[in-house]
Protein backbone atom coordinates (compact mmCIF):
# COMPACT_ATOMS: atom_id res chain seq x y z
CA UNK A 1 0.00 0.00 0.00
CA UNK A 2 1.33 3.45 -0.92
CA UNK A 3 0.82 6.51 1.27
CA UNK A 4 1.19 10.24 0.60
CA UNK A 5 4.35 11.55 2.25
CA UNK A 6 5.37 15.20 2.69
CA UNK A 7 9.07 16.00 3.11
CA UNK A 8 9.78 19.39 4.66
CA UNK A 9 13.19 21.00 4.36
CA UNK A 10 14.35 24.54 4.98
CA UNK A 11 12.05 26.67 2.88
CA UNK A 12 10.45 23.95 0.76
CA UNK A 13 8.03 21.02 0.79
CA UNK A 14 7.87 18.01 -1.50
CA UNK A 15 4.97 15.55 -1.74
CA UNK A 16 5.47 12.05 -3.02
CA UNK A 17 4.03 8.56 -2.76
CA UNK A 18 5.83 5.85 -0.85
CA UNK A 19 5.31 2.55 0.90
CA UNK A 20 6.10 1.85 4.54
CA UNK A 21 7.81 -1.37 5.59
CA UNK A 22 8.69 -2.59 9.06
CA UNK A 23 12.00 -4.45 9.31
CA UNK A 24 12.54 -7.53 11.45
CA UNK A 25 14.35 -5.44 14.10
CA UNK A 26 11.43 -2.99 14.44
CA UNK A 27 12.80 -0.14 12.31
CA UNK A 28 10.53 1.67 9.86
CA UNK A 29 11.56 2.03 6.20
CA UNK A 30 9.72 4.42 3.89
CA UNK A 31 10.63 3.72 0.27
CA UNK A 32 9.43 5.71 -2.74
CA UNK A 33 10.23 8.01 -5.62
CA UNK A 34 10.32 11.82 -5.82
CA UNK A 35 9.69 11.66 -9.54
CA UNK A 36 7.46 9.47 -11.68
CA UNK A 37 10.14 6.77 -11.87
CA UNK A 38 8.95 3.23 -11.40
CA UNK A 39 12.05 2.37 -9.36
CA UNK A 40 12.33 3.91 -5.88
CA UNK A 41 14.93 6.67 -5.56
CA UNK A 42 14.82 7.32 -1.83
CA UNK A 43 14.71 5.32 1.39
CA UNK A 44 13.95 6.85 4.78
CA UNK A 45 15.12 4.56 7.61
CA UNK A 46 13.80 5.42 11.10
CA UNK A 47 14.11 3.96 14.57
CA UNK A 48 12.34 4.78 17.81
CA UNK A 49 15.43 3.79 19.80
CA UNK A 50 16.68 7.36 20.30
CA UNK A 51 19.49 8.57 22.51
CA UNK A 52 18.72 10.45 25.73
CA UNK A 53 20.04 13.63 24.10
CA UNK A 54 17.71 13.24 21.08
CA UNK A 55 14.76 12.49 23.38
CA UNK A 56 15.53 15.60 25.45
CA UNK A 57 15.53 17.66 22.22
CA UNK A 58 11.96 16.45 21.56
CA UNK A 59 12.54 13.69 19.00
CA UNK A 60 10.66 10.38 19.07
CA UNK A 61 12.35 8.86 15.97
CA UNK A 62 15.70 9.40 14.27
CA UNK A 63 17.33 7.95 11.19
CA UNK A 64 18.73 8.63 7.75
CA UNK A 65 17.51 9.59 4.30
CA UNK A 66 19.20 7.66 1.50
CA UNK A 67 18.96 8.83 -2.12
CA UNK A 68 19.33 6.50 -5.07
CA UNK A 69 22.26 6.85 -7.46
CA UNK A 70 21.53 5.66 -11.01
CA UNK A 71 25.24 5.59 -11.91
CA UNK A 72 26.18 3.11 -9.16
CA UNK A 73 22.69 1.57 -8.77
CA UNK A 74 22.87 1.97 -4.99
CA UNK A 75 21.57 4.18 -2.18
CA UNK A 76 23.79 6.79 -0.50
CA UNK A 77 23.06 8.47 2.88
CA UNK A 78 22.41 12.17 2.23
CA UNK A 79 20.60 13.50 5.33
CA UNK A 80 20.01 12.84 9.01
CA UNK A 81 16.26 12.60 9.73
CA UNK A 82 14.29 13.32 12.91
CA UNK A 83 10.61 13.10 13.85
CA UNK A 84 9.46 15.40 16.65
CA UNK A 85 7.19 14.22 19.45
CA UNK A 86 3.75 15.79 19.57
CA UNK A 87 3.28 17.03 23.10
CA UNK A 88 -0.40 16.75 24.00
CA UNK A 89 -1.38 19.05 26.87
CA UNK A 90 -2.80 17.31 29.91
CA UNK A 91 -6.40 18.40 30.53
CA UNK A 92 -6.90 20.32 33.74
CA UNK A 93 -9.83 19.49 35.95
PDB file of N, CA and C in Angstrom:
ATOM      1  N   UNK A   1       0.845  -1.173   0.000  1.00  0.00           N
ATOM      2  CA  UNK A   1       0.000   0.000   0.000  1.00  0.00           C
ATOM      3  C   UNK A   1       0.892   1.238   0.000  1.00  0.00           C
ATOM      4  N   UNK A   2       0.576   2.216  -0.844  1.00  0.00           N
ATOM      5  CA  UNK A   2       1.331   3.448  -0.924  1.00  0.00           C
ATOM      6  C   UNK A   2       0.600   4.551  -0.165  1.00  0.00           C
ATOM      7  N   UNK A   3       1.363   5.421   0.475  1.00  0.00           N
ATOM      8  CA  UNK A   3       0.823   6.515   1.265  1.00  0.00           C
ATOM      9  C   UNK A   3       1.408   7.820   0.750  1.00  0.00           C
ATOM     10  N   UNK A   4       0.659   8.915   0.927  1.00  0.00           N
ATOM     11  CA  UNK A   4       1.186  10.236   0.598  1.00  0.00           C
ATOM     12  C   UNK A   4       2.139  10.682   1.692  1.00  0.00           C
ATOM     13  N   UNK A   5       3.319  11.121   1.305  1.00  0.00           N
ATOM     14  CA  UNK A   5       4.355  11.552   2.247  1.00  0.00           C
ATOM     15  C   UNK A   5       4.724  12.990   1.904  1.00  0.00           C
ATOM     16  N   UNK A   6       4.894  13.847   2.917  1.00  0.00           N
ATOM     17  CA  UNK A   6       5.373  15.204   2.687  1.00  0.00           C
ATOM     18  C   UNK A   6       6.724  15.355   3.358  1.00  0.00           C
ATOM     19  N   UNK A   7       7.749  15.718   2.582  1.00  0.00           N
ATOM     20  CA  UNK A   7       9.069  16.000   3.109  1.00  0.00           C
ATOM     21  C   UNK A   7       9.189  17.501   3.253  1.00  0.00           C
ATOM     22  N   UNK A   8       9.610  17.966   4.427  1.00  0.00           N
ATOM     23  CA  UNK A   8       9.784  19.387   4.662  1.00  0.00           C
ATOM     24  C   UNK A   8      11.254  19.658   4.936  1.00  0.00           C
ATOM     25  N   UNK A   9      11.818  20.561   4.145  1.00  0.00           N
ATOM     26  CA  UNK A   9      13.195  20.995   4.356  1.00  0.00           C
ATOM     27  C   UNK A   9      13.170  22.500   4.520  1.00  0.00           C
ATOM     28  N   UNK A  10      14.295  23.097   4.773  1.00  0.00           N
ATOM     29  CA  UNK A  10      14.353  24.536   4.975  1.00  0.00           C
ATOM     30  C   UNK A  10      13.788  25.254   3.758  1.00  0.00           C
ATOM     31  N   UNK A  11      12.628  25.857   3.926  1.00  0.00           N
ATOM     32  CA  UNK A  11      12.045  26.675   2.878  1.00  0.00           C
ATOM     33  C   UNK A  11      11.280  25.949   1.788  1.00  0.00           C
ATOM     34  N   UNK A  12      11.180  24.617   1.831  1.00  0.00           N
ATOM     35  CA  UNK A  12      10.448  23.949   0.758  1.00  0.00           C
ATOM     36  C   UNK A  12       9.757  22.689   1.269  1.00  0.00           C
ATOM     37  N   UNK A  13       8.756  22.247   0.497  1.00  0.00           N
ATOM     38  CA  UNK A  13       8.033  21.017   0.786  1.00  0.00           C
ATOM     39  C   UNK A  13       7.910  20.222  -0.491  1.00  0.00           C
ATOM     40  N   UNK A  14       8.012  18.897  -0.361  1.00  0.00           N
ATOM     41  CA  UNK A  14       7.867  18.011  -1.504  1.00  0.00           C
ATOM     42  C   UNK A  14       6.912  16.896  -1.120  1.00  0.00           C
ATOM     43  N   UNK A  15       5.894  16.666  -1.957  1.00  0.00           N
ATOM     44  CA  UNK A  15       4.966  15.552  -1.740  1.00  0.00           C
ATOM     45  C   UNK A  15       5.323  14.427  -2.689  1.00  0.00           C
ATOM     46  N   UNK A  16       5.181  13.222  -2.202  1.00  0.00           N
ATOM     47  CA  UNK A  16       5.469  12.049  -3.016  1.00  0.00           C
ATOM     48  C   UNK A  16       4.625  10.889  -2.525  1.00  0.00           C
ATOM     49  N   UNK A  17       4.697   9.789  -3.206  1.00  0.00           N
ATOM     50  CA  UNK A  17       4.028   8.559  -2.764  1.00  0.00           C
ATOM     51  C   UNK A  17       5.101   7.548  -2.409  1.00  0.00           C
ATOM     52  N   UNK A  18       4.841   6.810  -1.333  1.00  0.00           N
ATOM     53  CA  UNK A  18       5.833   5.847  -0.854  1.00  0.00           C
ATOM     54  C   UNK A  18       5.126   4.714  -0.133  1.00  0.00           C
ATOM     55  N   UNK A  19       5.863   3.658   0.109  1.00  0.00           N
ATOM     56  CA  UNK A  19       5.315   2.555   0.899  1.00  0.00           C
ATOM     57  C   UNK A  19       6.136   2.429   2.187  1.00  0.00           C
ATOM     58  N   UNK A  20       5.453   2.026   3.241  1.00  0.00           N
ATOM     59  CA  UNK A  20       6.099   1.850   4.536  1.00  0.00           C
ATOM     60  C   UNK A  20       6.290   0.366   4.787  1.00  0.00           C
ATOM     61  N   UNK A  21       7.489   0.024   5.275  1.00  0.00           N
ATOM     62  CA  UNK A  21       7.811  -1.365   5.585  1.00  0.00           C
ATOM     63  C   UNK A  21       8.458  -1.415   6.966  1.00  0.00           C
ATOM     64  N   UNK A  22       8.049  -2.386   7.756  1.00  0.00           N
ATOM     65  CA  UNK A  22       8.692  -2.593   9.056  1.00  0.00           C
ATOM     66  C   UNK A  22       9.729  -3.688   8.897  1.00  0.00           C
ATOM     67  N   UNK A  23      10.945  -3.431   9.394  1.00  0.00           N
ATOM     68  CA  UNK A  23      12.000  -4.451   9.312  1.00  0.00           C
ATOM     69  C   UNK A  23      11.870  -5.418  10.471  1.00  0.00           C
ATOM     70  N   UNK A  24      12.619  -6.507  10.409  1.00  0.00           N
ATOM     71  CA  UNK A  24      12.537  -7.531  11.455  1.00  0.00           C
ATOM     72  C   UNK A  24      13.013  -7.017  12.810  1.00  0.00           C
ATOM     73  N   UNK A  25      13.858  -5.967  12.826  1.00  0.00           N
ATOM     74  CA  UNK A  25      14.348  -5.438  14.105  1.00  0.00           C
ATOM     75  C   UNK A  25      13.506  -4.263  14.600  1.00  0.00           C
ATOM     76  N   UNK A  26      12.346  -4.008  13.961  1.00  0.00           N
ATOM     77  CA  UNK A  26      11.431  -2.986  14.437  1.00  0.00           C
ATOM     78  C   UNK A  26      11.635  -1.607  13.843  1.00  0.00           C
ATOM     79  N   UNK A  27      12.594  -1.434  12.957  1.00  0.00           N
ATOM     80  CA  UNK A  27      12.798  -0.143  12.311  1.00  0.00           C
ATOM     81  C   UNK A  27      11.752   0.064  11.228  1.00  0.00           C
ATOM     82  N   UNK A  28      11.498   1.311  10.891  1.00  0.00           N
ATOM     83  CA  UNK A  28      10.534   1.666   9.863  1.00  0.00           C
ATOM     84  C   UNK A  28      11.288   2.158   8.633  1.00  0.00           C
ATOM     85  N   UNK A  29      10.966   1.596   7.471  1.00  0.00           N
ATOM     86  CA  UNK A  29      11.565   2.029   6.201  1.00  0.00           C
ATOM     87  C   UNK A  29      10.452   2.589   5.328  1.00  0.00           C
ATOM     88  N   UNK A  30      10.649   3.793   4.827  1.00  0.00           N
ATOM     89  CA  UNK A  30       9.718   4.417   3.892  1.00  0.00           C
ATOM     90  C   UNK A  30      10.451   4.516   2.572  1.00  0.00           C
ATOM     91  N   UNK A  31       9.942   3.829   1.550  1.00  0.00           N
ATOM     92  CA  UNK A  31      10.631   3.717   0.267  1.00  0.00           C
ATOM     93  C   UNK A  31       9.714   4.264  -0.815  1.00  0.00           C
ATOM     94  N   UNK A  32      10.253   5.145  -1.680  1.00  0.00           N
ATOM     95  CA  UNK A  32       9.435   5.711  -2.745  1.00  0.00           C
ATOM     96  C   UNK A  32      10.260   6.454  -3.762  1.00  0.00           C
ATOM     97  N   UNK A  33       9.576   7.275  -4.546  1.00  0.00           N
ATOM     98  CA  UNK A  33      10.230   8.011  -5.621  1.00  0.00           C
ATOM     99  C   UNK A  33       9.753   9.455  -5.612  1.00  0.00           C
ATOM    100  N   UNK A  34      10.682  10.416  -5.748  1.00  0.00           N
ATOM    101  CA  UNK A  34      10.323  11.824  -5.823  1.00  0.00           C
ATOM    102  C   UNK A  34       9.786  12.181  -7.202  1.00  0.00           C
ATOM    103  N   UNK A  35      10.131  11.390  -8.175  1.00  0.00           N
ATOM    104  CA  UNK A  35       9.688  11.657  -9.539  1.00  0.00           C
ATOM    105  C   UNK A  35       8.718  10.559  -9.950  1.00  0.00           C
ATOM    106  N   UNK A  36       8.400  10.478 -11.217  1.00  0.00           N
ATOM    107  CA  UNK A  36       7.456   9.468 -11.681  1.00  0.00           C
ATOM    108  C   UNK A  36       8.152   8.159 -12.037  1.00  0.00           C
ATOM    109  N   UNK A  37       9.407   8.002 -11.610  1.00  0.00           N
ATOM    110  CA  UNK A  37      10.142   6.768 -11.875  1.00  0.00           C
ATOM    111  C   UNK A  37       9.415   5.578 -11.268  1.00  0.00           C
ATOM    112  N   UNK A  38       9.523   4.459 -11.934  1.00  0.00           N
ATOM    113  CA  UNK A  38       8.952   3.225 -11.396  1.00  0.00           C
ATOM    114  C   UNK A  38       9.817   2.727 -10.243  1.00  0.00           C
ATOM    115  N   UNK A  39      11.123   2.834 -10.395  1.00  0.00           N
ATOM    116  CA  UNK A  39      12.053   2.371  -9.356  1.00  0.00           C
ATOM    117  C   UNK A  39      12.156   3.413  -8.248  1.00  0.00           C
ATOM    118  N   UNK A  40      12.194   2.968  -6.988  1.00  0.00           N
ATOM    119  CA  UNK A  40      12.333   3.913  -5.879  1.00  0.00           C
ATOM    120  C   UNK A  40      13.672   4.639  -5.959  1.00  0.00           C
ATOM    121  N   UNK A  41      13.671   5.938  -5.590  1.00  0.00           N
ATOM    122  CA  UNK A  41      14.932   6.669  -5.563  1.00  0.00           C
ATOM    123  C   UNK A  41      15.224   7.298  -4.213  1.00  0.00           C
ATOM    124  N   UNK A  42      14.455   6.925  -3.185  1.00  0.00           N
ATOM    125  CA  UNK A  42      14.822   7.321  -1.827  1.00  0.00           C
ATOM    126  C   UNK A  42      14.367   6.255  -0.847  1.00  0.00           C
ATOM    127  N   UNK A  43      15.056   6.238   0.300  1.00  0.00           N
ATOM    128  CA  UNK A  43      14.705   5.325   1.391  1.00  0.00           C
ATOM    129  C   UNK A  43      14.935   6.084   2.695  1.00  0.00           C
ATOM    130  N   UNK A  44      13.884   6.214   3.484  1.00  0.00           N
ATOM    131  CA  UNK A  44      13.953   6.853   4.785  1.00  0.00           C
ATOM    132  C   UNK A  44      13.930   5.745   5.826  1.00  0.00           C
ATOM    133  N   UNK A  45      14.995   5.616   6.600  1.00  0.00           N
ATOM    134  CA  UNK A  45      15.118   4.557   7.612  1.00  0.00           C
ATOM    135  C   UNK A  45      15.038   5.205   8.985  1.00  0.00           C
ATOM    136  N   UNK A  46      14.037   4.816   9.788  1.00  0.00           N
ATOM    137  CA  UNK A  46      13.804   5.423  11.097  1.00  0.00           C
ATOM    138  C   UNK A  46      13.773   4.380  12.195  1.00  0.00           C
ATOM    139  N   UNK A  47      14.192   4.806  13.391  1.00  0.00           N
ATOM    140  CA  UNK A  47      14.111   3.956  14.570  1.00  0.00           C
ATOM    141  C   UNK A  47      13.547   4.766  15.728  1.00  0.00           C
ATOM    142  N   UNK A  48      12.832   4.111  16.611  1.00  0.00           N
ATOM    143  CA  UNK A  48      12.336   4.784  17.814  1.00  0.00           C
ATOM    144  C   UNK A  48      13.296   4.617  18.983  1.00  0.00           C
ATOM    145  N   UNK A  49      14.399   3.924  18.759  1.00  0.00           N
ATOM    146  CA  UNK A  49      15.430   3.791  19.802  1.00  0.00           C
ATOM    147  C   UNK A  49      16.347   5.014  19.711  1.00  0.00           C
ATOM    148  N   UNK A  50      15.936   6.102  20.371  1.00  0.00           N
ATOM    149  CA  UNK A  50      16.677   7.356  20.296  1.00  0.00           C
ATOM    150  C   UNK A  50      17.560   7.513  21.524  1.00  0.00           C
ATOM    151  N   UNK A  51      18.604   8.300  21.378  1.00  0.00           N
ATOM    152  CA  UNK A  51      19.495   8.569  22.509  1.00  0.00           C
ATOM    153  C   UNK A  51      18.780   9.485  23.497  1.00  0.00           C
ATOM    154  N   UNK A  52      19.298   9.559  24.713  1.00  0.00           N
ATOM    155  CA  UNK A  52      18.723  10.448  25.728  1.00  0.00           C
ATOM    156  C   UNK A  52      18.792  11.893  25.258  1.00  0.00           C
ATOM    157  N   UNK A  53      19.883  12.258  24.600  1.00  0.00           N
ATOM    158  CA  UNK A  53      20.035  13.632  24.100  1.00  0.00           C
ATOM    159  C   UNK A  53      18.969  13.949  23.045  1.00  0.00           C
ATOM    160  N   UNK A  54      18.740  13.025  22.105  1.00  0.00           N
ATOM    161  CA  UNK A  54      17.715  13.243  21.081  1.00  0.00           C
ATOM    162  C   UNK A  54      16.329  13.315  21.711  1.00  0.00           C
ATOM    163  N   UNK A  55      16.059  12.462  22.699  1.00  0.00           N
ATOM    164  CA  UNK A  55      14.758  12.492  23.383  1.00  0.00           C
ATOM    165  C   UNK A  55      14.569  13.828  24.088  1.00  0.00           C
ATOM    166  N   UNK A  56      15.613  14.325  24.748  1.00  0.00           N
ATOM    167  CA  UNK A  56      15.530  15.605  25.454  1.00  0.00           C
ATOM    168  C   UNK A  56      15.340  16.773  24.492  1.00  0.00           C
ATOM    169  N   UNK A  57      15.751  16.621  23.225  1.00  0.00           N
ATOM    170  CA  UNK A  57      15.533  17.665  22.215  1.00  0.00           C
ATOM    171  C   UNK A  57      14.144  17.552  21.589  1.00  0.00           C
ATOM    172  N   UNK A  58      13.348  16.553  22.011  1.00  0.00           N
ATOM    173  CA  UNK A  58      11.965  16.449  21.562  1.00  0.00           C
ATOM    174  C   UNK A  58      11.723  15.475  20.429  1.00  0.00           C
ATOM    175  N   UNK A  59      12.698  14.615  20.122  1.00  0.00           N
ATOM    176  CA  UNK A  59      12.541  13.685  19.003  1.00  0.00           C
ATOM    177  C   UNK A  59      12.046  12.330  19.487  1.00  0.00           C
ATOM    178  N   UNK A  60      11.136  11.718  18.728  1.00  0.00           N
ATOM    179  CA  UNK A  60      10.655  10.377  19.073  1.00  0.00           C
ATOM    180  C   UNK A  60      11.236   9.339  18.112  1.00  0.00           C
ATOM    181  N   UNK A  61      11.723   9.771  16.933  1.00  0.00           N
ATOM    182  CA  UNK A  61      12.353   8.863  15.973  1.00  0.00           C
ATOM    183  C   UNK A  61      13.523   9.592  15.308  1.00  0.00           C
ATOM    184  N   UNK A  62      14.563   8.846  15.006  1.00  0.00           N
ATOM    185  CA  UNK A  62      15.703   9.398  14.275  1.00  0.00           C
ATOM    186  C   UNK A  62      16.111   8.397  13.205  1.00  0.00           C
ATOM    187  N   UNK A  63      16.881   8.861  12.242  1.00  0.00           N
ATOM    188  CA  UNK A  63      17.332   7.951  11.193  1.00  0.00           C
ATOM    189  C   UNK A  63      18.043   8.682  10.076  1.00  0.00           C
ATOM    190  N   UNK A  64      18.012   8.075   8.895  1.00  0.00           N
ATOM    191  CA  UNK A  64      18.727   8.625   7.751  1.00  0.00           C
ATOM    192  C   UNK A  64      17.841   8.624   6.511  1.00  0.00           C
ATOM    193  N   UNK A  65      18.125   9.555   5.621  1.00  0.00           N
ATOM    194  CA  UNK A  65      17.510   9.586   4.302  1.00  0.00           C
ATOM    195  C   UNK A  65      18.579   9.163   3.312  1.00  0.00           C
ATOM    196  N   UNK A  66      18.278   8.141   2.523  1.00  0.00           N
ATOM    197  CA  UNK A  66      19.199   7.663   1.498  1.00  0.00           C
ATOM    198  C   UNK A  66      18.595   7.977   0.137  1.00  0.00           C
ATOM    199  N   UNK A  67      19.406   8.528  -0.755  1.00  0.00           N
ATOM    200  CA  UNK A  67      18.965   8.826  -2.117  1.00  0.00           C
ATOM    201  C   UNK A  67      19.594   7.834  -3.065  1.00  0.00           C
ATOM    202  N   UNK A  68      18.846   7.449  -4.089  1.00  0.00           N
ATOM    203  CA  UNK A  68      19.335   6.499  -5.072  1.00  0.00           C
ATOM    204  C   UNK A  68      20.285   7.145  -6.065  1.00  0.00           C
ATOM    205  N   UNK A  69      21.296   6.398  -6.468  1.00  0.00           N
ATOM    206  CA  UNK A  69      22.263   6.849  -7.460  1.00  0.00           C
ATOM    207  C   UNK A  69      22.139   5.926  -8.673  1.00  0.00           C
ATOM    208  N   UNK A  70      21.699   6.488  -9.800  1.00  0.00           N
ATOM    209  CA  UNK A  70      21.529   5.664 -11.005  1.00  0.00           C
ATOM    210  C   UNK A  70      22.868   5.157 -11.538  1.00  0.00           C
ATOM    211  N   UNK A  71      23.927   5.966 -11.383  1.00  0.00           N
ATOM    212  CA  UNK A  71      25.236   5.586 -11.915  1.00  0.00           C
ATOM    213  C   UNK A  71      25.776   4.336 -11.234  1.00  0.00           C
ATOM    214  N   UNK A  72      25.646   4.263  -9.901  1.00  0.00           N
ATOM    215  CA  UNK A  72      26.178   3.113  -9.156  1.00  0.00           C
ATOM    216  C   UNK A  72      25.099   2.098  -8.802  1.00  0.00           C
ATOM    217  N   UNK A  73      23.817   2.445  -9.084  1.00  0.00           N
ATOM    218  CA  UNK A  73      22.691   1.573  -8.770  1.00  0.00           C
ATOM    219  C   UNK A  73      22.676   1.186  -7.282  1.00  0.00           C
ATOM    220  N   UNK A  74      22.864   2.205  -6.435  1.00  0.00           N
ATOM    221  CA  UNK A  74      22.872   1.971  -4.989  1.00  0.00           C
ATOM    222  C   UNK A  74      22.288   3.194  -4.288  1.00  0.00           C
ATOM    223  N   UNK A  75      22.054   3.074  -2.997  1.00  0.00           N
ATOM    224  CA  UNK A  75      21.570   4.181  -2.181  1.00  0.00           C
ATOM    225  C   UNK A  75      22.735   4.754  -1.397  1.00  0.00           C
ATOM    226  N   UNK A  76      22.766   6.088  -1.263  1.00  0.00           N
ATOM    227  CA  UNK A  76      23.790   6.789  -0.496  1.00  0.00           C
ATOM    228  C   UNK A  76      23.105   7.648   0.564  1.00  0.00           C
ATOM    229  N   UNK A  77      23.622   7.642   1.802  1.00  0.00           N
ATOM    230  CA  UNK A  77      23.065   8.466   2.877  1.00  0.00           C
ATOM    231  C   UNK A  77      23.333   9.935   2.547  1.00  0.00           C
ATOM    232  N   UNK A  78      22.267  10.744   2.543  1.00  0.00           N
ATOM    233  CA  UNK A  78      22.414  12.168   2.226  1.00  0.00           C
ATOM    234  C   UNK A  78      21.992  13.088   3.367  1.00  0.00           C
ATOM    235  N   UNK A  79      21.102  12.639   4.263  1.00  0.00           N
ATOM    236  CA  UNK A  79      20.599  13.499   5.327  1.00  0.00           C
ATOM    237  C   UNK A  79      20.354  12.685   6.598  1.00  0.00           C
ATOM    238  N   UNK A  80      20.439  13.372   7.731  1.00  0.00           N
ATOM    239  CA  UNK A  80      20.006  12.835   9.008  1.00  0.00           C
ATOM    240  C   UNK A  80      18.547  13.223   9.157  1.00  0.00           C
ATOM    241  N   UNK A  81      17.695  12.339   9.625  1.00  0.00           N
ATOM    242  CA  UNK A  81      16.263  12.602   9.727  1.00  0.00           C
ATOM    243  C   UNK A  81      15.795  12.484  11.172  1.00  0.00           C
ATOM    244  N   UNK A  82      14.867  13.367  11.562  1.00  0.00           N
ATOM    245  CA  UNK A  82      14.285  13.317  12.906  1.00  0.00           C
ATOM    246  C   UNK A  82      12.781  13.535  12.815  1.00  0.00           C
ATOM    247  N   UNK A  83      12.052  12.913  13.712  1.00  0.00           N
ATOM    248  CA  UNK A  83      10.612  13.097  13.847  1.00  0.00           C
ATOM    249  C   UNK A  83      10.366  13.631  15.255  1.00  0.00           C
ATOM    250  N   UNK A  84       9.733  14.793  15.344  1.00  0.00           N
ATOM    251  CA  UNK A  84       9.456  15.401  16.651  1.00  0.00           C
ATOM    252  C   UNK A  84       8.257  14.747  17.325  1.00  0.00           C
ATOM    253  N   UNK A  85       8.332  14.670  18.651  1.00  0.00           N
ATOM    254  CA  UNK A  85       7.185  14.222  19.449  1.00  0.00           C
ATOM    255  C   UNK A  85       6.110  15.291  19.412  1.00  0.00           C
ATOM    256  N   UNK A  86       4.877  14.866  19.443  1.00  0.00           N
ATOM    257  CA  UNK A  86       3.751  15.786  19.571  1.00  0.00           C
ATOM    258  C   UNK A  86       3.358  15.796  21.034  1.00  0.00           C
ATOM    259  N   UNK A  87       3.612  16.905  21.678  1.00  0.00           N
ATOM    260  CA  UNK A  87       3.282  17.032  23.096  1.00  0.00           C
ATOM    261  C   UNK A  87       1.804  17.400  23.223  1.00  0.00           C
ATOM    262  N   UNK A  88       1.033  16.502  23.794  1.00  0.00           N
ATOM    263  CA  UNK A  88      -0.396  16.748  24.000  1.00  0.00           C
ATOM    264  C   UNK A  88      -0.587  17.280  25.405  1.00  0.00           C
ATOM    265  N   UNK A  89      -1.190  18.473  25.523  1.00  0.00           N
ATOM    266  CA  UNK A  89      -1.379  19.049  26.869  1.00  0.00           C
ATOM    267  C   UNK A  89      -2.303  18.176  27.711  1.00  0.00           C
ATOM    268  N   UNK A  90      -1.980  18.057  28.969  1.00  0.00           N
ATOM    269  CA  UNK A  90      -2.804  17.305  29.913  1.00  0.00           C
ATOM    270  C   UNK A  90      -4.016  18.153  30.292  1.00  0.00           C
ATOM    271  N   UNK A  91      -5.211  17.600  30.164  1.00  0.00           N
ATOM    272  CA  UNK A  91      -6.401  18.398  30.527  1.00  0.00           C
ATOM    273  C   UNK A  91      -6.399  18.725  32.021  1.00  0.00           C
ATOM    274  N   UNK A  92      -6.790  19.929  32.325  1.00  0.00           N
ATOM    275  CA  UNK A  92      -6.902  20.323  33.740  1.00  0.00           C
ATOM    276  C   UNK A  92      -8.329  20.143  34.187  1.00  0.00           C
ATOM    277  N   UNK A  93      -8.465  19.719  35.437  1.00  0.00           N
ATOM    278  CA  UNK A  93      -9.834  19.486  35.951  1.00  0.00           C
ATOM    279  C   UNK A  93     -10.210  20.504  36.981  1.00  0.00           C
TER     280      UNK A  93
END
